[in-house]
Amino acid sequence: MAKKRDSLIVASKVKAYIKSKKMMTSKEALEAISEKVYCMLDCASNRTKANRRSTLKAQDL
């Protein structure tokens, strides 16, 4: 079984945003959103390294 990673999102803020859309949020949705953030950051860090920089910038996202 894969090790569960720490969440990178503020669950209450995500839930409030989704609630403003007149919807509910499952625990699995919050976990999936956090995993998407991990993926985005991994891709951005790879792009940063490919450009020989050590500072991740908005353009890397």
PDB file of N, CA and C in Angstrom:
ATOM      1  N   MET A   1       0.839  -1.179   0.000  1.00  0.00           N
ATOM      2  CA  MET A   1       0.000   0.000   0.000  1.00  0.00           C
ATOM      3  C   MET A   1       0.882   1.239   0.000  1.00  0.00           C
ATOM      4  N   ALA A   2       0.568   2.193  -0.849  1.00  0.00           N
ATOM      5  CA  ALA A   2       1.355   3.411  -0.974  1.00  0.00           C
ATOM      6  C   ALA A   2       1.195   4.291   0.264  1.00  0.00           C
ATOM      7  N   LYS A   3       2.289   4.958   0.616  1.00  0.00           N
ATOM      8  CA  LYS A   3       2.253   5.862   1.767  1.00  0.00           C
ATOM      9  C   LYS A   3       1.418   7.091   1.423  1.00  0.00           C
ATOM     10  N   LYS A   4       0.536   7.449   2.343  1.00  0.00           N
ATOM     11  CA  LYS A   4      -0.317   8.622   2.138  1.00  0.00           C
ATOM     12  C   LYS A   4       0.503   9.884   2.378  1.00  0.00           C
ATOM     13  N   ARG A   5       0.415  10.825   1.447  1.00  0.00           N
ATOM     14  CA  ARG A   5       1.162  12.071   1.574  1.00  0.00           C
ATOM     15  C   ARG A   5       0.337  13.105   2.330  1.00  0.00           C
ATOM     16  N   ASP A   6       1.036  14.087   2.890  1.00  0.00           N
ATOM     17  CA  ASP A   6       0.360  15.192   3.566  1.00  0.00           C
ATOM     18  C   ASP A   6      -0.449  15.992   2.549  1.00  0.00           C
ATOM     19  N   SER A   7      -1.546  16.532   2.991  1.00  0.00           N
ATOM     20  CA  SER A   7      -2.387  17.349   2.122  1.00  0.00           C
ATOM     21  C   SER A   7      -1.723  18.700   1.869  1.00  0.00           C
ATOM     22  N   LEU A   8      -1.820  19.182   0.643  1.00  0.00           N
ATOM     23  CA  LEU A   8      -1.259  20.484   0.271  1.00  0.00           C
ATOM     24  C   LEU A   8      -2.345  21.544   0.110  1.00  0.00           C
ATOM     25  N   ILE A   9      -3.551  21.197   0.517  1.00  0.00           N
ATOM     26  CA  ILE A   9      -4.657  22.148   0.363  1.00  0.00           C
ATOM     27  C   ILE A   9      -5.273  22.464   1.720  1.00  0.00           C
ATOM     28  N   VAL A  10      -5.988  23.556   1.782  1.00  0.00           N
ATOM     29  CA  VAL A  10      -6.748  23.918   2.976  1.00  0.00           C
ATOM     30  C   VAL A  10      -8.167  23.413   2.729  1.00  0.00           C
ATOM     31  N   ALA A  11      -8.482  22.291   3.357  1.00  0.00           N
ATOM     32  CA  ALA A  11      -9.751  21.612   3.097  1.00  0.00           C
ATOM     33  C   ALA A  11     -10.950  22.525   3.330  1.00  0.00           C
ATOM     34  N   SER A  12     -10.931  23.317   4.384  1.00  0.00           N
ATOM     35  CA  SER A  12     -12.075  24.179   4.686  1.00  0.00           C
ATOM     36  C   SER A  12     -12.310  25.209   3.583  1.00  0.00           C
ATOM     37  N   LYS A  13     -11.226  25.712   3.005  1.00  0.00           N
ATOM     38  CA  LYS A  13     -11.354  26.701   1.922  1.00  0.00           C
ATOM     39  C   LYS A  13     -11.903  26.052   0.654  1.00  0.00           C
ATOM     40  N   VAL A  14     -11.424  24.847   0.356  1.00  0.00           N
ATOM     41  CA  VAL A  14     -11.913  24.120  -0.822  1.00  0.00           C
ATOM     42  C   VAL A  14     -13.386  23.784  -0.641  1.00  0.00           C
ATOM     43  N   LYS A  15     -13.741  23.287   0.551  1.00  0.00           N
ATOM     44  CA  LYS A  15     -15.139  22.938   0.822  1.00  0.00           C
ATOM     45  C   LYS A  15     -16.043  24.158   0.724  1.00  0.00           C
ATOM     46  N   ALA A  16     -15.590  25.293   1.244  1.00  0.00           N
ATOM     47  CA  ALA A  16     -16.388  26.522   1.175  1.00  0.00           C
ATOM     48  C   ALA A  16     -16.593  26.958  -0.273  1.00  0.00           C
ATOM     49  N   TYR A  17     -15.551  26.850  -1.076  1.00  0.00           N
ATOM     50  CA  TYR A  17     -15.662  27.227  -2.489  1.00  0.00           C
ATOM     51  C   TYR A  17     -16.663  26.325  -3.210  1.00  0.00           C
ATOM     52  N   ILE A  18     -16.543  25.018  -2.978  1.00  0.00           N
ATOM     53  CA  ILE A  18     -17.451  24.075  -3.634  1.00  0.00           C
ATOM     54  C   ILE A  18     -18.875  24.271  -3.123  1.00  0.00           C
ATOM     55  N   LYS A  19     -19.026  24.564  -1.841  1.00  0.00           N
ATOM     56  CA  LYS A  19     -20.355  24.821  -1.279  1.00  0.00           C
ATOM     57  C   LYS A  19     -20.981  26.057  -1.925  1.00  0.00           C
ATOM     58  N   SER A  20     -20.149  27.067  -2.253  1.00  0.00           N
ATOM     59  CA  SER A  20     -20.667  28.270  -2.914  1.00  0.00           C
ATOM     60  C   SER A  20     -21.223  27.955  -4.299  1.00  0.00           C
ATOM     61  N   LYS A  21     -20.815  26.803  -4.834  1.00  0.00           N
ATOM     62  CA  LYS A  21     -21.328  26.329  -6.127  1.00  0.00           C
ATOM     63  C   LYS A  21     -22.543  25.418  -5.939  1.00  0.00           C
ATOM     64  N   LYS A  22     -23.066  25.398  -4.696  1.00  0.00           N
ATOM     65  CA  LYS A  22     -24.241  24.593  -4.337  1.00  0.00           C
ATOM     66  C   LYS A  22     -23.976  23.094  -4.499  1.00  0.00           C
ATOM     67  N   MET A  23     -22.759  22.668  -4.111  1.00  0.00           N
ATOM     68  CA  MET A  23     -22.384  21.261  -4.188  1.00  0.00           C
ATOM     69  C   MET A  23     -21.747  20.839  -2.871  1.00  0.00           C
ATOM     70  N   MET A  24     -21.593  19.534  -2.669  1.00  0.00           N
ATOM     71  CA  MET A  24     -20.929  19.004  -1.491  1.00  0.00           C
ATOM     72  C   MET A  24     -19.589  18.405  -1.907  1.00  0.00           C
ATOM     73  N   THR A  25     -18.728  18.195  -0.920  1.00  0.00           N
ATOM     74  CA  THR A  25     -17.374  17.704  -1.176  1.00  0.00           C
ATOM     75  C   THR A  25     -17.138  16.396  -0.439  1.00  0.00           C
ATOM     76  N   SER A  26     -16.623  15.400  -1.142  1.00  0.00           N
ATOM     77  CA  SER A  26     -16.269  14.137  -0.488  1.00  0.00           C
ATOM     78  C   SER A  26     -14.815  14.181  -0.042  1.00  0.00           C
ATOM     79  N   LYS A  27     -14.472  13.321   0.897  1.00  0.00           N
ATOM     80  CA  LYS A  27     -13.093  13.220   1.366  1.00  0.00           C
ATOM     81  C   LYS A  27     -12.182  12.820   0.207  1.00  0.00           C
ATOM     82  N   GLU A  28     -12.677  11.933  -0.636  1.00  0.00           N
ATOM     83  CA  GLU A  28     -11.877  11.468  -1.774  1.00  0.00           C
ATOM     84  C   GLU A  28     -11.578  12.612  -2.742  1.00  0.00           C
ATOM     85  N   ALA A  29     -12.524  13.541  -2.882  1.00  0.00           N
ATOM     86  CA  ALA A  29     -12.297  14.691  -3.769  1.00  0.00           C
ATOM     87  C   ALA A  29     -11.167  15.554  -3.232  1.00  0.00           C
ATOM     88  N   LEU A  30     -11.148  15.761  -1.918  1.00  0.00           N
ATOM     89  CA  LEU A  30     -10.084  16.563  -1.316  1.00  0.00           C
ATOM     90  C   LEU A  30      -8.724  15.904  -1.509  1.00  0.00           C
ATOM     91  N   GLU A  31      -8.671  14.591  -1.348  1.00  0.00           N
ATOM     92  CA  GLU A  31      -7.422  13.860  -1.562  1.00  0.00           C
ATOM     93  C   GLU A  31      -6.974  13.954  -3.017  1.00  0.00           C
ATOM     94  N   ALA A  32      -7.924  13.855  -3.945  1.00  0.00           N
ATOM     95  CA  ALA A  32      -7.598  13.940  -5.372  1.00  0.00           C
ATOM     96  C   ALA A  32      -7.095  15.331  -5.740  1.00  0.00           C
ATOM     97  N   ILE A  33      -7.689  16.365  -5.161  1.00  0.00           N
ATOM     98  CA  ILE A  33      -7.245  17.737  -5.424  1.00  0.00           C
ATOM     99  C   ILE A  33      -5.815  17.921  -4.925  1.00  0.00           C
ATOM    100  N   SER A  34      -5.516  17.414  -3.749  1.00  0.00           N
ATOM    101  CA  SER A  34      -4.166  17.512  -3.210  1.00  0.00           C
ATOM    102  C   SER A  34      -3.171  16.774  -4.111  1.00  0.00           C
ATOM    103  N   GLU A  35      -3.546  15.609  -4.597  1.00  0.00           N
ATOM    104  CA  GLU A  35      -2.670  14.853  -5.508  1.00  0.00           C
ATOM    105  C   GLU A  35      -2.422  15.630  -6.799  1.00  0.00           C
ATOM    106  N   LYS A  36      -3.445  16.319  -7.294  1.00  0.00           N
ATOM    107  CA  LYS A  36      -3.270  17.161  -8.492  1.00  0.00           C
ATOM    108  C   LYS A  36      -2.253  18.268  -8.225  1.00  0.00           C
ATOM    109  N   VAL A  37      -2.300  18.845  -7.025  1.00  0.00           N
ATOM    110  CA  VAL A  37      -1.352  19.898  -6.658  1.00  0.00           C
ATOM    111  C   VAL A  37       0.062  19.327  -6.625  1.00  0.00           C
ATOM    112  N   TYR A  38       0.238  18.136  -6.026  1.00  0.00           N
ATOM    113  CA  TYR A  38       1.545  17.484  -6.030  1.00  0.00           C
ATOM    114  C   TYR A  38       2.039  17.307  -7.468  1.00  0.00           C
ATOM    115  N   CYS A  39       1.172  16.837  -8.338  1.00  0.00           N
ATOM    116  CA  CYS A  39       1.536  16.603  -9.742  1.00  0.00           C
ATOM    117  C   CYS A  39       1.948  17.916 -10.420  1.00  0.00           C
ATOM    118  N   MET A  40       1.160  18.978 -10.203  1.00  0.00           N
ATOM    119  CA  MET A  40       1.485  20.285 -10.786  1.00  0.00           C
ATOM    120  C   MET A  40       2.851  20.769 -10.312  1.00  0.00           C
ATOM    121  N   LEU A  41       3.129  20.604  -9.031  1.00  0.00           N
ATOM    122  CA  LEU A  41       4.407  21.064  -8.475  1.00  0.00           C
ATOM    123  C   LEU A  41       5.577  20.216  -8.967  1.00  0.00           C
ATOM    124  N   ASP A  42       5.356  18.918  -9.122  1.00  0.00           N
ATOM    125  CA  ASP A  42       6.407  18.053  -9.666  1.00  0.00           C
ATOM    126  C   ASP A  42       6.755  18.462 -11.092  1.00  0.00           C
ATOM    127  N   CYS A  43       5.733  18.697 -11.907  1.00  0.00           N
ATOM    128  CA  CYS A  43       5.957  19.126 -13.292  1.00  0.00           C
ATOM    129  C   CYS A  43       6.643  20.487 -13.339  1.00  0.00           C
ATOM    130  N   ALA A  44       6.218  21.394 -12.494  1.00  0.00           N
ATOM    131  CA  ALA A  44       6.811  22.733 -12.454  1.00  0.00           C
ATOM    132  C   ALA A  44       8.263  22.673 -12.007  1.00  0.00           C
ATOM    133  N   SER A  45       8.569  21.824 -11.033  1.00  0.00           N
ATOM    134  CA  SER A  45       9.955  21.730 -10.582  1.00  0.00           C
ATOM    135  C   SER A  45      10.842  21.114 -11.658  1.00  0.00           C
ATOM    136  N   ASN A  46      10.307  20.158 -12.410  1.00  0.00           N
ATOM    137  CA  ASN A  46      11.061  19.582 -13.534  1.00  0.00           C
ATOM    138  C   ASN A  46      11.347  20.643 -14.593  1.00  0.00           C
ATOM    139  N   ARG A  47      10.379  21.489 -14.878  1.00  0.00           N
ATOM    140  CA  ARG A  47      10.558  22.563 -15.853  1.00  0.00           C
ATOM    141  C   ARG A  47      11.591  23.564 -15.355  1.00  0.00           C
ATOM    142  N   THR A  48      11.545  23.857 -14.068  1.00  0.00           N
ATOM    143  CA  THR A  48      12.509  24.778 -13.466  1.00  0.00           C
ATOM    144  C   THR A  48      13.928  24.240 -13.614  1.00  0.00           C
ATOM    145  N   LYS A  49      14.106  22.967 -13.296  1.00  0.00           N
ATOM    146  CA  LYS A  49      15.431  22.337 -13.417  1.00  0.00           C
ATOM    147  C   LYS A  49      15.886  22.306 -14.873  1.00  0.00           C
ATOM    148  N   ALA A  50      14.967  22.018 -15.789  1.00  0.00           N
ATOM    149  CA  ALA A  50      15.310  21.970 -17.215  1.00  0.00           C
ATOM    150  C   ALA A  50      15.779  23.331 -17.721  1.00  0.00           C
ATOM    151  N   ASN A  51      15.290  24.389 -17.086  1.00  0.00           N
ATOM    152  CA  ASN A  51      15.697  25.744 -17.458  1.00  0.00           C
ATOM    153  C   ASN A  51      16.870  26.240 -16.611  1.00  0.00           C
ATOM    154  N   ARG A  52      17.520  25.328 -15.909  1.00  0.00           N
ATOM    155  CA  ARG A  52      18.710  25.612 -15.100  1.00  0.00           C
ATOM    156  C   ARG A  52      18.486  26.732 -14.082  1.00  0.00           C
ATOM    157  N   ARG A  53      17.329  26.658 -13.435  1.00  0.00           N
ATOM    158  CA  ARG A  53      17.014  27.618 -12.381  1.00  0.00           C
ATOM    159  C   ARG A  53      16.757  26.854 -11.091  1.00  0.00           C
ATOM    160  N   SER A  54      16.824  27.565  -9.985  1.00  0.00           N
ATOM    161  CA  SER A  54      16.494  26.943  -8.699  1.00  0.00           C
ATOM    162  C   SER A  54      15.264  27.606  -8.077  1.00  0.00           C
ATOM    163  N   THR A  55      14.705  28.576  -8.776  1.00  0.00           N
ATOM    164  CA  THR A  55      13.503  29.270  -8.297  1.00  0.00           C
ATOM    165  C   THR A  55      12.312  28.898  -9.173  1.00  0.00           C
ATOM    166  N   LEU A  56      11.316  28.283  -8.568  1.00  0.00           N
ATOM    167  CA  LEU A  56      10.093  27.936  -9.297  1.00  0.00           C
ATOM    168  C   LEU A  56       9.276  29.212  -9.466  1.00  0.00           C
ATOM    169  N   LYS A  57       8.880  29.502 -10.697  1.00  0.00           N
ATOM    170  CA  LYS A  57       8.136  30.728 -11.007  1.00  0.00           C
ATOM    171  C   LYS A  57       6.744  30.374 -11.520  1.00  0.00           C
ATOM    172  N   ALA A  58       5.887  31.368 -11.551  1.00  0.00           N
ATOM    173  CA  ALA A  58       4.513  31.174 -12.047  1.00  0.00           C
ATOM    174  C   ALA A  58       4.520  30.590 -13.453  1.00  0.00           C
ATOM    175  N   GLN A  59       5.451  30.996 -14.264  1.00  0.00           N
ATOM    176  CA  GLN A  59       5.510  30.510 -15.649  1.00  0.00           C
ATOM    177  C   GLN A  59       5.788  29.014 -15.718  1.00  0.00           C
ATOM    178  N   ASP A  60       6.337  28.438 -14.660  1.00  0.00           N
ATOM    179  CA  ASP A  60       6.604  27.002 -14.634  1.00  0.00           C
ATOM    180  C   ASP A  60       5.349  26.172 -14.413  1.00  0.00           C
ATOM    181  N   LEU A  61       4.330  26.816 -13.885  1.00  0.00           N
ATOM    182  CA  LEU A  61       3.069  26.121 -13.655  1.00  0.00           C
ATOM    183  C   LEU A  61       2.277  26.037 -14.936  1.00  0.00           C
TER     184      LEU A  61
END
